[in-house]
C-alpha atoms as a PDB file:
ATOM      1  CA  MET A   1    -114.089  78.860 -81.663  1.00  0.00           C
ATOM      2  CA  ARG A   2    -113.255  79.282 -77.965  1.00  0.00           C
ATOM      3  CA  LYS A   3    -110.762  82.008 -78.963  1.00  0.00           C
ATOM      4  CA  PHE A   4    -113.353  84.210 -80.687  1.00  0.00           C
ATOM      5  CA  PRO A   5    -114.429  86.226 -77.606  1.00  0.00           C
ATOM      6  CA  ASP A   6    -110.801  87.137 -76.842  1.00  0.00           C
ATOM      7  CA  LEU A   7    -110.089  87.873 -80.509  1.00  0.00           C
ATOM      8  CA  TYR A   8    -113.140  90.109 -80.691  1.00  0.00           C
ATOM      9  CA  ALA A   9    -112.034  91.996 -77.555  1.00  0.00           C
ATOM     10  CA  ARG A  10    -108.504  92.456 -78.917  1.00  0.00           C
ATOM     11  CA  ILE A  11    -109.775  93.692 -82.279  1.00  0.00           C
ATOM     12  CA  LEU A  12    -111.998  96.287 -80.560  1.00  0.00           C
ATOM     13  CA  GLU A  13    -109.026  97.396 -78.428  1.00  0.00           C
ATOM     14  CA  ASP A  14    -107.028  97.905 -81.633  1.00  0.00           C
ATOM     15  CA  GLY A  15    -109.846 100.011 -83.084  1.00  0.00           C
ATOM     16  CA  ARG A  16    -110.106 102.111 -79.922  1.00  0.00           C
ATOM     17  CA  MET A  17    -106.326 102.674 -79.979  1.00  0.00           C
ATOM     18  CA  LEU A  18    -106.591 104.059 -83.515  1.00  0.00           C
ATOM     19  CA  LEU A  19    -109.498 106.279 -82.507  1.00  0.00           C
ATOM     20  CA  LYS A  20    -107.586 107.548 -79.468  1.00  0.00           C
ATOM     21  CA  PHE A  21    -104.328 108.451 -81.222  1.00  0.00           C
ATOM     22  CA  ASP A  22    -105.332 109.434 -84.766  1.00  0.00           C
ATOM     23  CA  PRO A  23    -106.634 113.016 -84.743  1.00  0.00           C
ATOM     24  CA  ALA A  24    -108.333 112.402 -88.112  1.00  0.00           C
ATOM     25  CA  ALA A  25    -110.461 109.525 -86.754  1.00  0.00           C
ATOM     26  CA  HIS A  26    -113.935 110.637 -85.719  1.00  0.00           C
ATOM     27  CA  SER A  27    -115.621 107.390 -84.682  1.00  0.00           C
ATOM     28  CA  LEU A  28    -114.935 103.731 -84.034  1.00  0.00           C
ATOM     29  CA  GLY A  29    -117.218 102.886 -86.954  1.00  0.00           C
ATOM     30  CA  GLU A  30    -115.082 105.002 -89.284  1.00  0.00           C
ATOM     31  CA  VAL A  31    -111.929 103.212 -88.078  1.00  0.00           C
ATOM     32  CA  ILE A  32    -113.474  99.754 -88.477  1.00  0.00           C
ATOM     33  CA  HIS A  33    -114.863 100.393 -91.957  1.00  0.00           C
ATOM     34  CA  PHE A  34    -112.242 102.557 -93.621  1.00  0.00           C
ATOM     35  CA  TYR A  35    -108.814 102.367 -91.961  1.00  0.00           C
ATOM     36  CA  PRO A  36    -106.313 100.109 -93.759  1.00  0.00           C
ATOM     37  CA  GLY A  37    -104.241  99.805 -90.568  1.00  0.00           C
ATOM     38  CA  PHE A  38    -107.234  98.430 -88.720  1.00  0.00           C
ATOM     39  CA  HIS A  39    -108.047  96.068 -91.594  1.00  0.00           C
ATOM     40  CA  ALA A  40    -104.470  94.699 -91.601  1.00  0.00           C
ATOM     41  CA  ILE A  41    -104.513  94.210 -87.816  1.00  0.00           C
ATOM     42  CA  PHE A  42    -107.937  92.548 -87.926  1.00  0.00           C
ATOM     43  CA  VAL A  43    -106.798  90.049 -90.555  1.00  0.00           C
ATOM     44  CA  TYR A  44    -103.502  89.512 -88.705  1.00  0.00           C
ATOM     45  CA  ARG A  45    -105.378  88.614 -85.491  1.00  0.00           C
ATOM     46  CA  LEU A  46    -107.417  85.950 -87.316  1.00  0.00           C
ATOM     47  CA  ALA A  47    -104.461  84.639 -89.327  1.00  0.00           C
ATOM     48  CA  HIS A  48    -102.228  84.498 -86.243  1.00  0.00           C
ATOM     49  CA  GLU A  49    -104.730  82.387 -84.328  1.00  0.00           C
ATOM     50  CA  LEU A  50    -104.959  79.961 -87.248  1.00  0.00           C
ATOM     51  CA  TYR A  51    -101.135  79.926 -87.471  1.00  0.00           C
ATOM     52  CA  VAL A  52    -100.832  79.106 -83.760  1.00  0.00           C
ATOM     53  CA  GLN A  53    -103.406  76.317 -84.193  1.00  0.00           C
ATOM     54  CA  GLY A  54    -101.241  74.801 -86.942  1.00  0.00           C
ATOM     55  CA  VAL A  55    -103.655  75.417 -89.812  1.00  0.00           C
ATOM     56  CA  PRO A  56    -101.621  75.134 -93.041  1.00  0.00           C
ATOM     57  CA  VAL A  57    -101.626  77.688 -95.898  1.00  0.00           C
ATOM     58  CA  LEU A  58    -104.739  79.667 -94.861  1.00  0.00           C
ATOM     59  CA  PRO A  59    -102.923  82.045 -92.433  1.00  0.00           C
ATOM     60  CA  ARG A  60    -100.436  83.071 -95.140  1.00  0.00           C
ATOM     61  CA  MET A  61    -103.194  83.382 -97.707  1.00  0.00           C
ATOM     62  CA  LEU A  62    -105.145  85.747 -95.417  1.00  0.00           C
ATOM     63  CA  SER A  63    -102.076  87.847 -94.639  1.00  0.00           C
ATOM     64  CA  GLU A  64    -101.217  88.137 -98.345  1.00  0.00           C
ATOM     65  CA  ILE A  65    -104.752  89.231 -99.204  1.00  0.00           C
ATOM     66  CA  ALA A  66    -104.536  91.928 -96.499  1.00  0.00           C
ATOM     67  CA  HIS A  67    -101.082  92.908 -97.796  1.00  0.00           C
ATOM     68  CA  THR A  68    -102.451  93.293-101.326  1.00  0.00           C
ATOM     69  CA  GLN A  69    -105.381  95.407-100.112  1.00  0.00           C
ATOM     70  CA  THR A  70    -103.532  97.599 -97.587  1.00  0.00           C
ATOM     71  CA  GLY A  71     -99.823  97.628 -98.477  1.00  0.00           C
ATOM     72  CA  ILE A  72     -99.151  96.357 -94.934  1.00  0.00           C
ATOM     73  CA  ASP A  73     -97.248  93.061 -94.682  1.00  0.00           C
ATOM     74  CA  ILE A  74     -97.662  91.301 -91.311  1.00  0.00           C
ATOM     75  CA  HIS A  75     -96.509  87.702 -91.153  1.00  0.00           C
ATOM     76  CA  PRO A  76     -99.080  85.587 -89.246  1.00  0.00           C
ATOM     77  CA  GLY A  77     -96.271  84.147 -87.115  1.00  0.00           C
ATOM     78  CA  ALA A  78     -95.424  87.520 -85.569  1.00  0.00           C
ATOM     79  CA  THR A  79     -96.510  88.024 -81.967  1.00  0.00           C
ATOM     80  CA  ILE A  80     -98.367  91.305 -81.389  1.00  0.00           C
ATOM     81  CA  GLY A  81     -99.727  92.478 -78.040  1.00  0.00           C
ATOM     82  CA  ARG A  82    -102.904  94.342 -77.188  1.00  0.00           C
ATOM     83  CA  SER A  83    -104.035  97.764 -78.431  1.00  0.00           C
ATOM     84  CA  PHE A  84    -101.865  97.823 -81.548  1.00  0.00           C
ATOM     85  CA  PHE A  85    -101.885 100.967 -83.717  1.00  0.00           C
ATOM     86  CA  ILE A  86    -100.943 101.331 -87.379  1.00  0.00           C
ATOM     87  CA  ASP A  87    -101.445 104.722 -89.028  1.00  0.00           C
ATOM     88  CA  HIS A  88    -100.837 105.459 -92.725  1.00  0.00           C
ATOM     89  CA  GLY A  89     -99.592 101.898 -92.924  1.00  0.00           C
ATOM     90  CA  THR A  90     -98.396 101.611 -96.514  1.00  0.00           C
ATOM     91  CA  GLY A  91     -95.026  99.893 -96.690  1.00  0.00           C
ATOM     92  CA  ILE A  92     -94.992  98.400 -93.192  1.00  0.00           C
ATOM     93  CA  VAL A  93     -93.252  95.013 -92.970  1.00  0.00           C
ATOM     94  CA  ILE A  94     -93.444  92.894 -89.798  1.00  0.00           C
ATOM     95  CA  GLY A  95     -91.459  89.662 -90.025  1.00  0.00           C
ATOM     96  CA  GLU A  96     -92.375  86.201 -88.794  1.00  0.00           C
ATOM     97  CA  THR A  97     -90.422  86.166 -85.514  1.00  0.00           C
ATOM     98  CA  THR A  98     -91.116  89.773 -84.551  1.00  0.00           C
ATOM     99  CA  GLU A  99     -92.435  90.276 -81.022  1.00  0.00           C
ATOM    100  CA  ILE A 100     -94.437  93.446 -80.338  1.00  0.00           C
ATOM    101  CA  GLY A 101     -95.709  94.415 -76.886  1.00  0.00           C
ATOM    102  CA  ASP A 102     -98.865  96.232 -75.826  1.00  0.00           C
ATOM    103  CA  ARG A 103     -99.910  99.738 -76.900  1.00  0.00           C
ATOM    104  CA  VAL A 104     -97.289 100.000 -79.665  1.00  0.00           C
ATOM    105  CA  ARG A 105     -97.808 102.615 -82.400  1.00  0.00           C
ATOM    106  CA  ILE A 106     -96.319 102.216 -85.876  1.00  0.00           C
ATOM    107  CA  TYR A 107     -96.415 104.596 -88.842  1.00  0.00           C
ATOM    108  CA  GLN A 108     -95.923 104.085 -92.587  1.00  0.00           C
ATOM    109  CA  GLY A 109     -92.822 102.518 -94.052  1.00  0.00           C
ATOM    110  CA  VAL A 110     -91.591 100.839 -90.856  1.00  0.00           C
ATOM    111  CA  THR A 111     -89.645  97.603 -91.346  1.00  0.00           C
ATOM    112  CA  LEU A 112     -89.213  95.078 -88.540  1.00  0.00           C
ATOM    113  CA  GLY A 113     -86.972  92.676 -90.388  1.00  0.00           C
ATOM    114  CA  ALA A 114     -84.087  90.242 -90.317  1.00  0.00           C
ATOM    115  CA  LEU A 115     -80.390  91.050 -90.652  1.00  0.00           C
ATOM    116  CA  THR A 116     -79.907  87.988 -92.838  1.00  0.00           C
ATOM    117  CA  VAL A 117     -82.273  86.041 -95.042  1.00  0.00           C
ATOM    118  CA  ARG A 118     -80.520  82.679 -95.151  1.00  0.00           C
ATOM    119  CA  LYS A 119     -82.786  79.651 -95.455  1.00  0.00           C
ATOM    120  CA  GLU A 120     -80.843  77.828 -92.725  1.00  0.00           C
ATOM    121  CA  ASP A 121     -81.938  80.568 -90.263  1.00  0.00           C
ATOM    122  CA  ALA A 122     -85.633  79.802 -90.815  1.00  0.00           C
ATOM    123  CA  ARG A 123     -86.137  78.308 -87.333  1.00  0.00           C
ATOM    124  CA  ILE A 124     -84.353  80.976 -85.267  1.00  0.00           C
ATOM    125  CA  LYS A 125     -85.515  84.385 -84.014  1.00  0.00           C
ATOM    126  CA  ARG A 126     -84.550  86.683 -86.869  1.00  0.00           C
ATOM    127  CA  HIS A 127     -86.690  89.758 -86.227  1.00  0.00           C
ATOM    128  CA  PRO A 128     -86.648  92.401 -83.469  1.00  0.00           C
ATOM    129  CA  THR A 129     -88.560  92.679 -80.218  1.00  0.00           C
ATOM    130  CA  ILE A 130     -90.527  95.877 -79.581  1.00  0.00           C
ATOM    131  CA  GLU A 131     -91.523  96.284 -75.938  1.00  0.00           C
ATOM    132  CA  ASP A 132     -94.672  97.966 -74.541  1.00  0.00           C
ATOM    133  CA  ASP A 133     -95.634 101.595 -75.272  1.00  0.00           C
ATOM    134  CA  VAL A 134     -93.089 102.138 -78.075  1.00  0.00           C
ATOM    135  CA  VAL A 135     -93.679 104.546 -80.983  1.00  0.00           C
ATOM    136  CA  LEU A 136     -91.985 103.815 -84.333  1.00  0.00           C
ATOM    137  CA  TYR A 137     -92.229 106.741 -86.742  1.00  0.00           C
ATOM    138  CA  ALA A 138     -92.309 106.677 -90.539  1.00  0.00           C
ATOM    139  CA  GLY A 139     -89.504 105.010 -92.408  1.00  0.00           C
ATOM    140  CA  SER A 140     -87.719 103.534 -89.421  1.00  0.00           C
ATOM    141  CA  THR A 141     -85.970 100.206 -89.993  1.00  0.00           C
ATOM    142  CA  ILE A 142     -85.219  97.853 -87.105  1.00  0.00           C
ATOM    143  CA  LEU A 143     -83.385  94.649 -87.930  1.00  0.00           C
ATOM    144  CA  GLY A 144     -82.167  91.543 -86.149  1.00  0.00           C
ATOM    145  CA  GLY A 145     -83.405  88.884 -83.775  1.00  0.00           C
ATOM    146  CA  THR A 146     -81.383  90.168 -80.829  1.00  0.00           C
ATOM    147  CA  THR A 147     -82.430  93.800 -81.330  1.00  0.00           C
ATOM    148  CA  ILE A 148     -84.763  95.001 -78.576  1.00  0.00           C
ATOM    149  CA  ILE A 149     -86.433  98.404 -78.452  1.00  0.00           C
ATOM    150  CA  GLY A 150     -86.987  99.061 -74.741  1.00  0.00           C
ATOM    151  CA  ARG A 151     -90.380  99.985 -73.354  1.00  0.00           C
ATOM    152  CA  SER A 152     -91.682 103.540 -73.751  1.00  0.00           C
ATOM    153  CA  SER A 153     -89.055 104.404 -76.352  1.00  0.00           C
ATOM    154  CA  VAL A 154     -89.586 106.597 -79.412  1.00  0.00           C
ATOM    155  CA  VAL A 155     -87.811 105.807 -82.668  1.00  0.00           C
ATOM    156  CA  GLY A 156     -87.924 108.760 -85.036  1.00  0.00           C
ATOM    157  CA  GLY A 157     -88.439 108.755 -88.778  1.00  0.00           C
ATOM    158  CA  ASN A 158     -85.811 107.241 -91.070  1.00  0.00           C
ATOM    159  CA  VAL A 159     -83.796 105.716 -88.227  1.00  0.00           C
ATOM    160  CA  TRP A 160     -81.878 102.499 -89.001  1.00  0.00           C
ATOM    161  CA  LEU A 161     -81.214 100.229 -85.985  1.00  0.00           C
ATOM    162  CA  THR A 162     -79.456  96.889 -85.697  1.00  0.00           C
ATOM    163  CA  LYS A 163     -78.647  97.157 -81.989  1.00  0.00           C
ATOM    164  CA  SER A 164     -80.895  97.343 -78.934  1.00  0.00           C
ATOM    165  CA  VAL A 165     -81.876 100.564 -77.208  1.00  0.00           C
ATOM    166  CA  PRO A 166     -82.796 100.760 -73.512  1.00  0.00           C
ATOM    167  CA  ALA A 167     -86.218 101.607 -72.145  1.00  0.00           C
ATOM    168  CA  TYR A 168     -87.327 105.256 -72.309  1.00  0.00           C
ATOM    169  CA  SER A 169     -84.935 106.068 -75.173  1.00  0.00           C
ATOM    170  CA  ARG A 170     -85.461 108.585 -77.950  1.00  0.00           C
ATOM    171  CA  VAL A 171     -83.635 107.728 -81.165  1.00  0.00           C
ATOM    172  CA  TYR A 172     -83.553 110.272 -83.991  1.00  0.00           C
ATOM    173  CA  HIS A 173     -82.071 110.561 -87.440  1.00  0.00           C
ATOM    174  CA  THR A 174     -80.139 113.806 -87.617  1.00  0.00           C
ATOM    175  CA  SER A 175     -80.409 115.729 -90.866  1.00  0.00           C
ATOM    176  CA  LYS A 176     -77.572 118.025 -91.823  1.00  0.00           C
ATOM    177  CA  VAL A 177     -78.288 121.321 -93.555  1.00  0.00           C
ATOM    178  CA  GLU A 178     -75.441 123.349 -95.041  1.00  0.00           C
ATOM    179  CA  ILE A 179     -76.033 126.738 -96.602  1.00  0.00           C
ATOM    180  CA  ARG A 180     -73.953 127.318 -99.700  1.00  0.00           C
ATOM    181  CA  ASN A 181     -72.632 130.710-100.587  1.00  0.00           C
ATOM    182  CA  ALA A 182     -73.739 132.366-103.835  1.00  0.00           C
ATOM    183  CA  GLN A 183     -70.441 131.636-105.604  1.00  0.00           C
ATOM    184  CA  GLU A 184     -70.647 127.880-104.855  1.00  0.00           C
ATOM    185  CA  ALA A 185     -74.266 127.807-105.998  1.00  0.00           C
ATOM    186  CA  ALA A 186     -73.368 129.583-109.263  1.00  0.00           C
ATOM    187  CA  MET A 187     -70.622 127.014-109.949  1.00  0.00           C
ATOM    188  CA  GLY A 188     -73.064 124.146-109.456  1.00  0.00           C
ATOM    189  CA  PHE A 189     -71.302 122.939-106.298  1.00  0.00           C
ATOM    190  CA  GLN A 190     -72.502 119.422-105.493  1.00  0.00           C
ATOM    191  CA  ILE A 191     -72.459 117.520-102.212  1.00  0.00           C
END
């Protein structure tokens, strides 16, 4: 019960972060009542506190209910800093040993996962660390317990990382566009 004032403050900070960075959000009330990202973060904050206190089963049950309702899967064991932002959150996966700093923004389809899923690795850090002020765009996948995304970095959409990047980095997936000539197109030339 002593944790409730801090939890309440953190949850409001999360809501204000969504209001600040989502151009479609018009009020804090709208964010609190209707945003699945906010709902997932709210439930995570409660479940995480129960997890830290050693409460069995209930933290996972809460996180699975939120996952079912929002499509956002946050393990209650993950450590997430202040002012966390999830927008269009469907498909987000945040693993148990993930560490996320303050003011981090995450978009749909982001995976913060493990490189291996062996049962004997259950007690080691398997998931990445995301430092403060990082933005992870849609579809990015960051794997591994030693992978660190340095502070104030931007990871673009559809990027796959298994190695650390330094602070202030920009990491992008590069698409390749080739223009076929008319003869190749007529022959059904395939890539």
